[in-house]
């Protein structure tokens, strides 16, 4: 990938929620097509693998010497050939996700350090933005929406 951005952008569409299991689609301007996920653990692992593959946001390795590729992830990740002149087009396309779901989130991961993420998540239905300091906190934010509107 010849174009590097400092932040990673994702769009998450929750399509079903049954017995505590969330399924949906993940999209990003760096992906050629959406990726289905079958639970939130798989979602986080896919997002993590994308960020590792592209080193976006740049990972601070000074205090952490082991980077492990997730061997249990069975998903084909095909990446766009992003350049400075086409990134905005792909970003806008990923944000115009088909509205199959009322529960669509945009996520911007700004930092990855010490195996943790920091960023912001916006729930498009309410246009409310919340900040998270870890992948676990991101999962908790998603579950808080589910708990409030799907029970």
N, C-alpha and C. Protein backbone atom coordinates (compact mmCIF):
# COMPACT_ATOMS: atom_id res chain seq x y z
N UNK A 1 0.86 -1.16 0.00
CA UNK A 1 0.00 0.00 0.00
C UNK A 1 0.91 1.22 0.00
N UNK A 2 0.77 2.02 -1.02
CA UNK A 2 1.67 3.15 -1.16
C UNK A 2 1.19 4.39 -0.42
N UNK A 3 -0.05 4.40 0.01
CA UNK A 3 -0.57 5.56 0.74
C UNK A 3 -0.73 5.17 2.20
N UNK A 4 -0.22 5.98 3.08
CA UNK A 4 -0.33 5.69 4.51
C UNK A 4 -1.13 6.80 5.18
N UNK A 5 -2.14 6.39 5.91
CA UNK A 5 -2.90 7.31 6.74
C UNK A 5 -2.54 7.00 8.19
N UNK A 6 -2.72 7.94 9.05
CA UNK A 6 -2.33 7.74 10.45
C UNK A 6 -3.40 7.03 11.26
N UNK A 7 -4.62 6.98 10.75
CA UNK A 7 -5.73 6.37 11.48
C UNK A 7 -6.41 5.32 10.62
N UNK A 8 -6.99 4.32 11.28
CA UNK A 8 -7.72 3.27 10.56
C UNK A 8 -9.20 3.52 10.76
N UNK A 9 -9.94 3.43 9.65
CA UNK A 9 -11.38 3.67 9.67
C UNK A 9 -12.12 2.37 9.38
N UNK A 10 -13.18 2.12 10.14
CA UNK A 10 -14.03 0.96 9.95
C UNK A 10 -15.49 1.39 10.00
N UNK A 11 -16.33 0.65 9.29
CA UNK A 11 -17.78 0.76 9.43
C UNK A 11 -18.29 -0.61 9.84
N UNK A 12 -19.05 -0.66 10.92
CA UNK A 12 -19.59 -1.91 11.45
C UNK A 12 -21.10 -1.86 11.36
N UNK A 13 -21.69 -2.84 10.69
CA UNK A 13 -23.15 -2.95 10.61
C UNK A 13 -23.58 -4.20 11.36
N UNK A 14 -24.37 -4.02 12.41
CA UNK A 14 -24.90 -5.16 13.16
C UNK A 14 -26.15 -5.65 12.44
N UNK A 15 -26.14 -6.91 12.02
CA UNK A 15 -27.26 -7.45 11.24
C UNK A 15 -28.16 -8.36 12.04
N UNK A 16 -27.61 -9.03 13.06
CA UNK A 16 -28.46 -9.88 13.89
C UNK A 16 -27.88 -9.98 15.29
N UNK A 17 -28.78 -10.27 16.22
CA UNK A 17 -28.39 -10.44 17.61
C UNK A 17 -29.31 -11.49 18.21
N UNK A 18 -28.75 -12.67 18.48
CA UNK A 18 -29.54 -13.76 19.06
C UNK A 18 -28.72 -14.46 20.13
N UNK A 19 -29.34 -14.66 21.28
CA UNK A 19 -28.72 -15.39 22.39
C UNK A 19 -27.34 -14.84 22.74
N UNK A 20 -27.20 -13.54 22.70
CA UNK A 20 -25.93 -12.91 23.07
C UNK A 20 -24.88 -12.89 21.98
N UNK A 21 -25.21 -13.39 20.79
CA UNK A 21 -24.25 -13.44 19.70
C UNK A 21 -24.61 -12.38 18.66
N UNK A 22 -23.64 -11.54 18.35
CA UNK A 22 -23.82 -10.45 17.39
C UNK A 22 -23.17 -10.84 16.08
N UNK A 23 -23.90 -10.68 14.97
CA UNK A 23 -23.36 -10.93 13.64
C UNK A 23 -23.52 -9.67 12.81
N UNK A 24 -22.66 -9.51 11.81
CA UNK A 24 -22.78 -8.34 10.97
C UNK A 24 -21.71 -8.28 9.91
N UNK A 25 -21.52 -7.09 9.38
CA UNK A 25 -20.54 -6.84 8.33
C UNK A 25 -19.57 -5.76 8.79
N UNK A 26 -18.32 -5.92 8.37
CA UNK A 26 -17.27 -4.94 8.62
C UNK A 26 -16.79 -4.42 7.29
N UNK A 27 -16.67 -3.11 7.19
CA UNK A 27 -16.11 -2.53 5.99
C UNK A 27 -15.08 -1.48 6.38
N UNK A 28 -14.17 -1.23 5.46
CA UNK A 28 -13.12 -0.24 5.66
C UNK A 28 -12.68 0.26 4.29
N UNK A 29 -12.20 1.49 4.21
CA UNK A 29 -11.72 1.96 2.91
C UNK A 29 -10.52 1.16 2.40
N UNK A 30 -9.85 0.42 3.27
CA UNK A 30 -8.70 -0.37 2.84
C UNK A 30 -9.10 -1.73 2.27
N UNK A 31 -10.36 -2.13 2.46
CA UNK A 31 -10.83 -3.44 1.99
C UNK A 31 -11.54 -3.32 0.65
N UNK A 32 -11.36 -4.32 -0.20
CA UNK A 32 -12.07 -4.35 -1.47
C UNK A 32 -13.54 -4.68 -1.29
N UNK A 33 -13.86 -5.49 -0.26
CA UNK A 33 -15.26 -5.86 -0.02
C UNK A 33 -15.48 -6.03 1.48
N UNK A 34 -16.74 -6.01 1.86
CA UNK A 34 -17.11 -6.18 3.27
C UNK A 34 -16.76 -7.58 3.74
N UNK A 35 -16.51 -7.69 5.03
CA UNK A 35 -16.20 -8.97 5.67
C UNK A 35 -17.30 -9.27 6.68
N UNK A 36 -17.84 -10.48 6.62
CA UNK A 36 -18.84 -10.89 7.61
C UNK A 36 -18.15 -11.35 8.89
N UNK A 37 -18.77 -11.02 10.02
CA UNK A 37 -18.29 -11.55 11.29
C UNK A 37 -19.47 -12.20 12.00
N UNK A 38 -19.16 -13.20 12.84
CA UNK A 38 -20.20 -14.01 13.47
C UNK A 38 -20.25 -13.86 14.99
N UNK A 39 -19.39 -13.04 15.53
CA UNK A 39 -19.42 -12.67 16.94
C UNK A 39 -18.45 -11.50 17.12
N UNK A 40 -18.52 -10.84 18.26
CA UNK A 40 -17.69 -9.65 18.45
C UNK A 40 -16.22 -9.99 18.63
N UNK A 41 -15.91 -11.19 19.12
CA UNK A 41 -14.51 -11.60 19.20
C UNK A 41 -13.91 -11.68 17.81
N UNK A 42 -14.64 -12.31 16.89
CA UNK A 42 -14.17 -12.41 15.51
C UNK A 42 -14.02 -11.02 14.90
N UNK A 43 -14.97 -10.12 15.17
CA UNK A 43 -14.88 -8.75 14.66
C UNK A 43 -13.58 -8.09 15.11
N UNK A 44 -13.28 -8.18 16.39
CA UNK A 44 -12.06 -7.55 16.92
C UNK A 44 -10.82 -8.18 16.31
N UNK A 45 -10.81 -9.51 16.16
CA UNK A 45 -9.65 -10.18 15.56
C UNK A 45 -9.44 -9.76 14.11
N UNK A 46 -10.53 -9.61 13.35
CA UNK A 46 -10.42 -9.16 11.96
C UNK A 46 -9.88 -7.74 11.90
N UNK A 47 -10.45 -6.86 12.72
CA UNK A 47 -9.98 -5.47 12.74
C UNK A 47 -8.50 -5.42 13.11
N UNK A 48 -8.11 -6.21 14.10
CA UNK A 48 -6.72 -6.23 14.54
C UNK A 48 -5.80 -6.72 13.42
N UNK A 49 -6.23 -7.76 12.70
CA UNK A 49 -5.40 -8.29 11.63
C UNK A 49 -5.22 -7.26 10.51
N UNK A 50 -6.28 -6.55 10.17
CA UNK A 50 -6.18 -5.51 9.14
C UNK A 50 -5.16 -4.45 9.57
N UNK A 51 -5.26 -4.01 10.82
CA UNK A 51 -4.32 -2.98 11.29
C UNK A 51 -2.89 -3.50 11.34
N UNK A 52 -2.71 -4.78 11.71
CA UNK A 52 -1.37 -5.37 11.71
C UNK A 52 -0.82 -5.48 10.30
N UNK A 53 -1.65 -5.97 9.37
CA UNK A 53 -1.19 -6.15 7.99
C UNK A 53 -0.71 -4.83 7.38
N UNK A 54 -1.42 -3.75 7.67
CA UNK A 54 -1.13 -2.47 7.04
C UNK A 54 -0.33 -1.52 7.94
N UNK A 55 -0.12 -1.92 9.19
CA UNK A 55 0.56 -1.10 10.19
C UNK A 55 -0.06 0.30 10.28
N UNK A 56 -1.39 0.32 10.31
CA UNK A 56 -2.16 1.56 10.47
C UNK A 56 -3.15 1.35 11.62
N UNK A 57 -3.18 2.20 12.61
CA UNK A 57 -2.16 3.20 12.88
C UNK A 57 -0.84 2.52 13.24
N UNK A 58 0.22 3.25 13.06
CA UNK A 58 1.54 2.69 13.28
C UNK A 58 1.64 2.15 14.70
N UNK A 59 2.16 0.93 14.82
CA UNK A 59 2.28 0.26 16.12
C UNK A 59 3.59 0.64 16.77
N UNK A 60 3.53 1.06 18.01
CA UNK A 60 4.72 1.41 18.76
C UNK A 60 5.31 0.13 19.35
N UNK A 61 6.40 -0.35 18.75
CA UNK A 61 7.01 -1.62 19.17
C UNK A 61 8.12 -1.45 20.20
N UNK A 62 8.37 -0.25 20.65
CA UNK A 62 9.51 -0.03 21.54
C UNK A 62 9.47 -0.92 22.78
N UNK A 63 8.29 -1.11 23.34
CA UNK A 63 8.19 -1.88 24.59
C UNK A 63 7.56 -3.24 24.39
N UNK A 64 7.34 -3.61 23.17
CA UNK A 64 6.69 -4.90 22.90
C UNK A 64 7.39 -5.53 21.71
N UNK A 65 8.01 -6.68 21.91
CA UNK A 65 8.85 -7.27 20.88
C UNK A 65 8.20 -8.42 20.13
N UNK A 66 7.03 -8.84 20.54
CA UNK A 66 6.38 -9.98 19.91
C UNK A 66 5.11 -9.51 19.21
N UNK A 67 5.06 -9.70 17.91
CA UNK A 67 3.84 -9.43 17.16
C UNK A 67 3.43 -10.76 16.54
N UNK A 68 2.26 -11.22 16.87
CA UNK A 68 1.79 -12.53 16.46
C UNK A 68 0.69 -12.38 15.43
N UNK A 69 0.83 -13.09 14.31
CA UNK A 69 -0.25 -13.13 13.33
C UNK A 69 -1.28 -14.13 13.84
N UNK A 70 -2.54 -13.75 13.78
CA UNK A 70 -3.61 -14.59 14.30
C UNK A 70 -3.80 -15.79 13.39
N UNK A 71 -3.38 -16.96 13.83
CA UNK A 71 -3.47 -18.17 13.03
C UNK A 71 -4.88 -18.73 12.95
N UNK A 72 -5.75 -18.37 13.90
CA UNK A 72 -7.09 -18.94 13.92
C UNK A 72 -8.09 -18.13 13.09
N UNK A 73 -7.66 -17.05 12.50
CA UNK A 73 -8.54 -16.20 11.71
C UNK A 73 -8.67 -16.78 10.31
N UNK A 74 -9.87 -17.21 9.95
CA UNK A 74 -10.10 -17.86 8.66
C UNK A 74 -10.92 -16.94 7.75
N UNK A 75 -10.34 -15.78 7.43
CA UNK A 75 -11.02 -14.79 6.62
C UNK A 75 -10.05 -14.29 5.56
N UNK A 76 -10.53 -14.21 4.32
CA UNK A 76 -9.71 -13.68 3.24
C UNK A 76 -9.80 -12.16 3.25
N UNK A 77 -8.68 -11.50 3.42
CA UNK A 77 -8.65 -10.04 3.45
C UNK A 77 -8.00 -9.53 2.17
N UNK A 78 -8.78 -8.88 1.31
CA UNK A 78 -8.28 -8.31 0.06
C UNK A 78 -8.26 -6.80 0.21
N UNK A 79 -7.09 -6.21 -0.03
CA UNK A 79 -6.92 -4.79 0.22
C UNK A 79 -6.96 -3.95 -1.06
N UNK A 80 -7.47 -2.74 -0.92
CA UNK A 80 -7.47 -1.76 -2.00
C UNK A 80 -6.03 -1.29 -2.23
N UNK A 81 -5.77 -0.81 -3.43
CA UNK A 81 -4.51 -0.15 -3.71
C UNK A 81 -4.73 1.35 -3.46
N UNK A 82 -4.57 1.74 -2.22
CA UNK A 82 -4.86 3.13 -1.85
C UNK A 82 -3.68 4.03 -2.15
N UNK A 83 -4.03 5.19 -2.66
CA UNK A 83 -3.04 6.23 -2.90
C UNK A 83 -3.60 7.53 -2.35
N UNK A 84 -2.76 8.50 -2.26
CA UNK A 84 -3.19 9.79 -1.71
C UNK A 84 -4.38 10.36 -2.46
N UNK A 85 -4.44 10.18 -3.78
CA UNK A 85 -5.51 10.79 -4.57
C UNK A 85 -6.82 9.99 -4.56
N UNK A 86 -6.82 8.73 -4.14
CA UNK A 86 -8.08 7.97 -4.13
C UNK A 86 -8.55 7.57 -2.73
N UNK A 87 -7.80 7.91 -1.70
CA UNK A 87 -8.18 7.51 -0.34
C UNK A 87 -9.53 8.10 0.06
N UNK A 88 -9.72 9.38 -0.20
CA UNK A 88 -10.96 10.03 0.23
C UNK A 88 -12.17 9.39 -0.45
N UNK A 89 -12.04 9.02 -1.72
CA UNK A 89 -13.13 8.35 -2.43
C UNK A 89 -13.48 7.02 -1.75
N UNK A 90 -12.47 6.22 -1.43
CA UNK A 90 -12.71 4.93 -0.76
C UNK A 90 -13.25 5.13 0.65
N UNK A 91 -12.77 6.14 1.35
CA UNK A 91 -13.28 6.43 2.69
C UNK A 91 -14.75 6.80 2.62
N UNK A 92 -15.12 7.70 1.73
CA UNK A 92 -16.52 8.10 1.59
C UNK A 92 -17.40 6.92 1.20
N UNK A 93 -16.89 6.06 0.31
CA UNK A 93 -17.65 4.87 -0.09
C UNK A 93 -17.89 3.95 1.11
N UNK A 94 -16.88 3.76 1.94
CA UNK A 94 -17.04 2.86 3.10
C UNK A 94 -18.00 3.46 4.12
N UNK A 95 -18.10 4.77 4.18
CA UNK A 95 -19.03 5.41 5.12
C UNK A 95 -20.46 5.41 4.60
N UNK A 96 -20.64 5.21 3.31
CA UNK A 96 -21.98 5.14 2.71
C UNK A 96 -22.45 3.69 2.66
N UNK A 97 -22.23 3.01 3.74
CA UNK A 97 -22.56 1.60 3.84
C UNK A 97 -24.05 1.40 3.59
N UNK A 98 -24.43 0.35 2.84
CA UNK A 98 -25.87 0.09 2.63
C UNK A 98 -26.60 0.00 3.96
N UNK A 99 -27.70 0.65 4.05
CA UNK A 99 -28.43 0.77 5.32
C UNK A 99 -29.30 -0.46 5.61
N UNK A 100 -28.70 -1.65 5.56
CA UNK A 100 -29.42 -2.88 5.89
C UNK A 100 -29.71 -2.96 7.38
N UNK A 101 -29.02 -2.16 8.14
CA UNK A 101 -29.10 -2.23 9.59
C UNK A 101 -29.37 -0.85 10.16
N UNK A 102 -30.12 -0.81 11.24
CA UNK A 102 -30.28 0.44 11.96
C UNK A 102 -29.08 0.70 12.86
N UNK A 103 -28.32 -0.35 13.12
CA UNK A 103 -27.19 -0.24 14.03
C UNK A 103 -25.89 -0.27 13.24
N UNK A 104 -25.48 0.91 12.79
CA UNK A 104 -24.24 1.07 12.04
C UNK A 104 -23.34 2.00 12.84
N UNK A 105 -22.10 1.58 12.99
CA UNK A 105 -21.12 2.34 13.74
C UNK A 105 -19.95 2.69 12.83
N UNK A 106 -19.43 3.88 12.98
CA UNK A 106 -18.14 4.19 12.36
C UNK A 106 -17.12 4.20 13.49
N UNK A 107 -15.98 3.61 13.20
CA UNK A 107 -14.92 3.49 14.20
C UNK A 107 -13.65 4.06 13.60
N UNK A 108 -12.99 4.89 14.36
CA UNK A 108 -11.69 5.42 13.96
C UNK A 108 -10.70 5.02 15.04
N UNK A 109 -9.73 4.18 14.69
CA UNK A 109 -8.68 3.77 15.62
C UNK A 109 -7.51 4.71 15.38
N UNK A 110 -7.16 5.46 16.41
CA UNK A 110 -6.12 6.48 16.28
C UNK A 110 -4.76 6.03 16.78
N UNK A 111 -4.75 5.11 17.76
CA UNK A 111 -3.49 4.66 18.35
C UNK A 111 -3.56 3.17 18.65
N UNK A 112 -2.41 2.50 18.48
CA UNK A 112 -2.25 1.10 18.88
C UNK A 112 -0.94 1.02 19.65
N UNK A 113 -1.03 0.78 20.93
CA UNK A 113 0.17 0.64 21.75
C UNK A 113 -0.09 -0.39 22.83
N UNK A 114 0.94 -1.15 23.15
CA UNK A 114 0.86 -2.14 24.23
C UNK A 114 -0.35 -3.05 24.07
N UNK A 115 -0.59 -3.52 22.86
CA UNK A 115 -1.72 -4.40 22.54
C UNK A 115 -3.06 -3.79 22.90
N UNK A 116 -3.18 -2.50 22.80
CA UNK A 116 -4.44 -1.83 23.07
C UNK A 116 -4.71 -0.80 21.98
N UNK A 117 -5.97 -0.46 21.81
CA UNK A 117 -6.38 0.53 20.82
C UNK A 117 -7.01 1.71 21.53
N UNK A 118 -6.88 2.87 20.91
CA UNK A 118 -7.58 4.05 21.37
C UNK A 118 -8.22 4.70 20.15
N UNK A 119 -9.46 5.18 20.32
CA UNK A 119 -10.13 5.80 19.19
C UNK A 119 -11.51 6.29 19.55
N UNK A 120 -12.33 6.42 18.50
CA UNK A 120 -13.69 6.88 18.71
C UNK A 120 -14.66 6.07 17.88
N UNK A 121 -15.88 5.94 18.41
CA UNK A 121 -16.94 5.22 17.73
C UNK A 121 -18.16 6.13 17.67
N UNK A 122 -18.79 6.21 16.49
CA UNK A 122 -20.01 6.99 16.34
C UNK A 122 -21.13 6.04 15.93
N UNK A 123 -22.23 6.08 16.66
CA UNK A 123 -23.42 5.31 16.31
C UNK A 123 -24.24 6.19 15.40
N UNK A 124 -24.43 5.77 14.15
CA UNK A 124 -25.05 6.62 13.15
C UNK A 124 -26.52 6.91 13.43
N UNK A 125 -27.23 5.99 14.09
CA UNK A 125 -28.66 6.21 14.35
C UNK A 125 -28.87 7.47 15.20
N UNK A 126 -27.99 7.70 16.15
CA UNK A 126 -28.14 8.86 17.04
C UNK A 126 -27.08 9.93 16.81
N UNK A 127 -26.09 9.59 15.98
CA UNK A 127 -24.96 10.49 15.72
C UNK A 127 -24.20 10.84 17.01
N UNK A 128 -24.20 9.89 17.96
CA UNK A 128 -23.45 10.07 19.20
C UNK A 128 -22.08 9.44 19.06
N UNK A 129 -21.08 10.16 19.51
CA UNK A 129 -19.70 9.68 19.46
C UNK A 129 -19.22 9.40 20.88
N UNK A 130 -18.55 8.26 21.03
CA UNK A 130 -17.95 7.88 22.30
C UNK A 130 -16.49 7.50 22.03
N UNK A 131 -15.64 7.76 22.99
CA UNK A 131 -14.24 7.42 22.86
C UNK A 131 -13.97 6.12 23.62
N UNK A 132 -13.02 5.34 23.11
CA UNK A 132 -12.64 4.09 23.78
C UNK A 132 -11.12 4.06 23.93
N UNK A 133 -10.69 3.34 24.98
CA UNK A 133 -9.26 3.24 25.29
C UNK A 133 -8.73 1.83 25.12
N UNK A 134 -9.59 0.92 24.67
CA UNK A 134 -9.17 -0.46 24.44
C UNK A 134 -10.20 -1.15 23.57
N UNK A 135 -9.81 -2.28 22.99
CA UNK A 135 -10.77 -3.06 22.20
C UNK A 135 -11.90 -3.56 23.08
N UNK A 136 -11.58 -3.91 24.32
CA UNK A 136 -12.62 -4.35 25.26
C UNK A 136 -13.64 -3.24 25.50
N UNK A 137 -13.17 -2.03 25.67
CA UNK A 137 -14.10 -0.92 25.87
C UNK A 137 -14.95 -0.68 24.62
N UNK A 138 -14.38 -0.88 23.43
CA UNK A 138 -15.16 -0.79 22.19
C UNK A 138 -16.28 -1.83 22.18
N UNK A 139 -15.96 -3.06 22.56
CA UNK A 139 -16.97 -4.12 22.63
C UNK A 139 -18.05 -3.74 23.64
N UNK A 140 -17.66 -3.22 24.78
CA UNK A 140 -18.64 -2.80 25.79
C UNK A 140 -19.56 -1.70 25.25
N UNK A 141 -19.03 -0.77 24.47
CA UNK A 141 -19.86 0.28 23.86
C UNK A 141 -20.88 -0.32 22.90
N UNK A 142 -20.46 -1.29 22.10
CA UNK A 142 -21.39 -1.94 21.17
C UNK A 142 -22.47 -2.68 21.94
N UNK A 143 -22.08 -3.42 22.98
CA UNK A 143 -23.08 -4.14 23.78
C UNK A 143 -24.02 -3.18 24.50
N UNK A 144 -23.55 -2.00 24.88
CA UNK A 144 -24.44 -1.05 25.55
C UNK A 144 -25.56 -0.60 24.62
N UNK A 145 -25.27 -0.47 23.34
CA UNK A 145 -26.31 -0.14 22.36
C UNK A 145 -27.28 -1.30 22.22
N UNK A 146 -26.76 -2.51 22.12
CA UNK A 146 -27.60 -3.69 21.99
C UNK A 146 -28.50 -3.84 23.21
N UNK A 147 -27.91 -3.69 24.40
CA UNK A 147 -28.69 -3.84 25.63
C UNK A 147 -29.80 -2.80 25.72
N UNK A 148 -29.54 -1.61 25.25
CA UNK A 148 -30.52 -0.54 25.36
C UNK A 148 -31.65 -0.67 24.34
N UNK A 149 -31.35 -1.15 23.14
CA UNK A 149 -32.34 -1.11 22.07
C UNK A 149 -32.82 -2.46 21.56
N UNK A 150 -32.26 -3.56 22.06
CA UNK A 150 -32.64 -4.87 21.53
C UNK A 150 -33.10 -5.85 22.59
N UNK A 151 -33.46 -5.38 23.75
CA UNK A 151 -33.93 -6.31 24.79
C UNK A 151 -35.34 -6.00 25.16
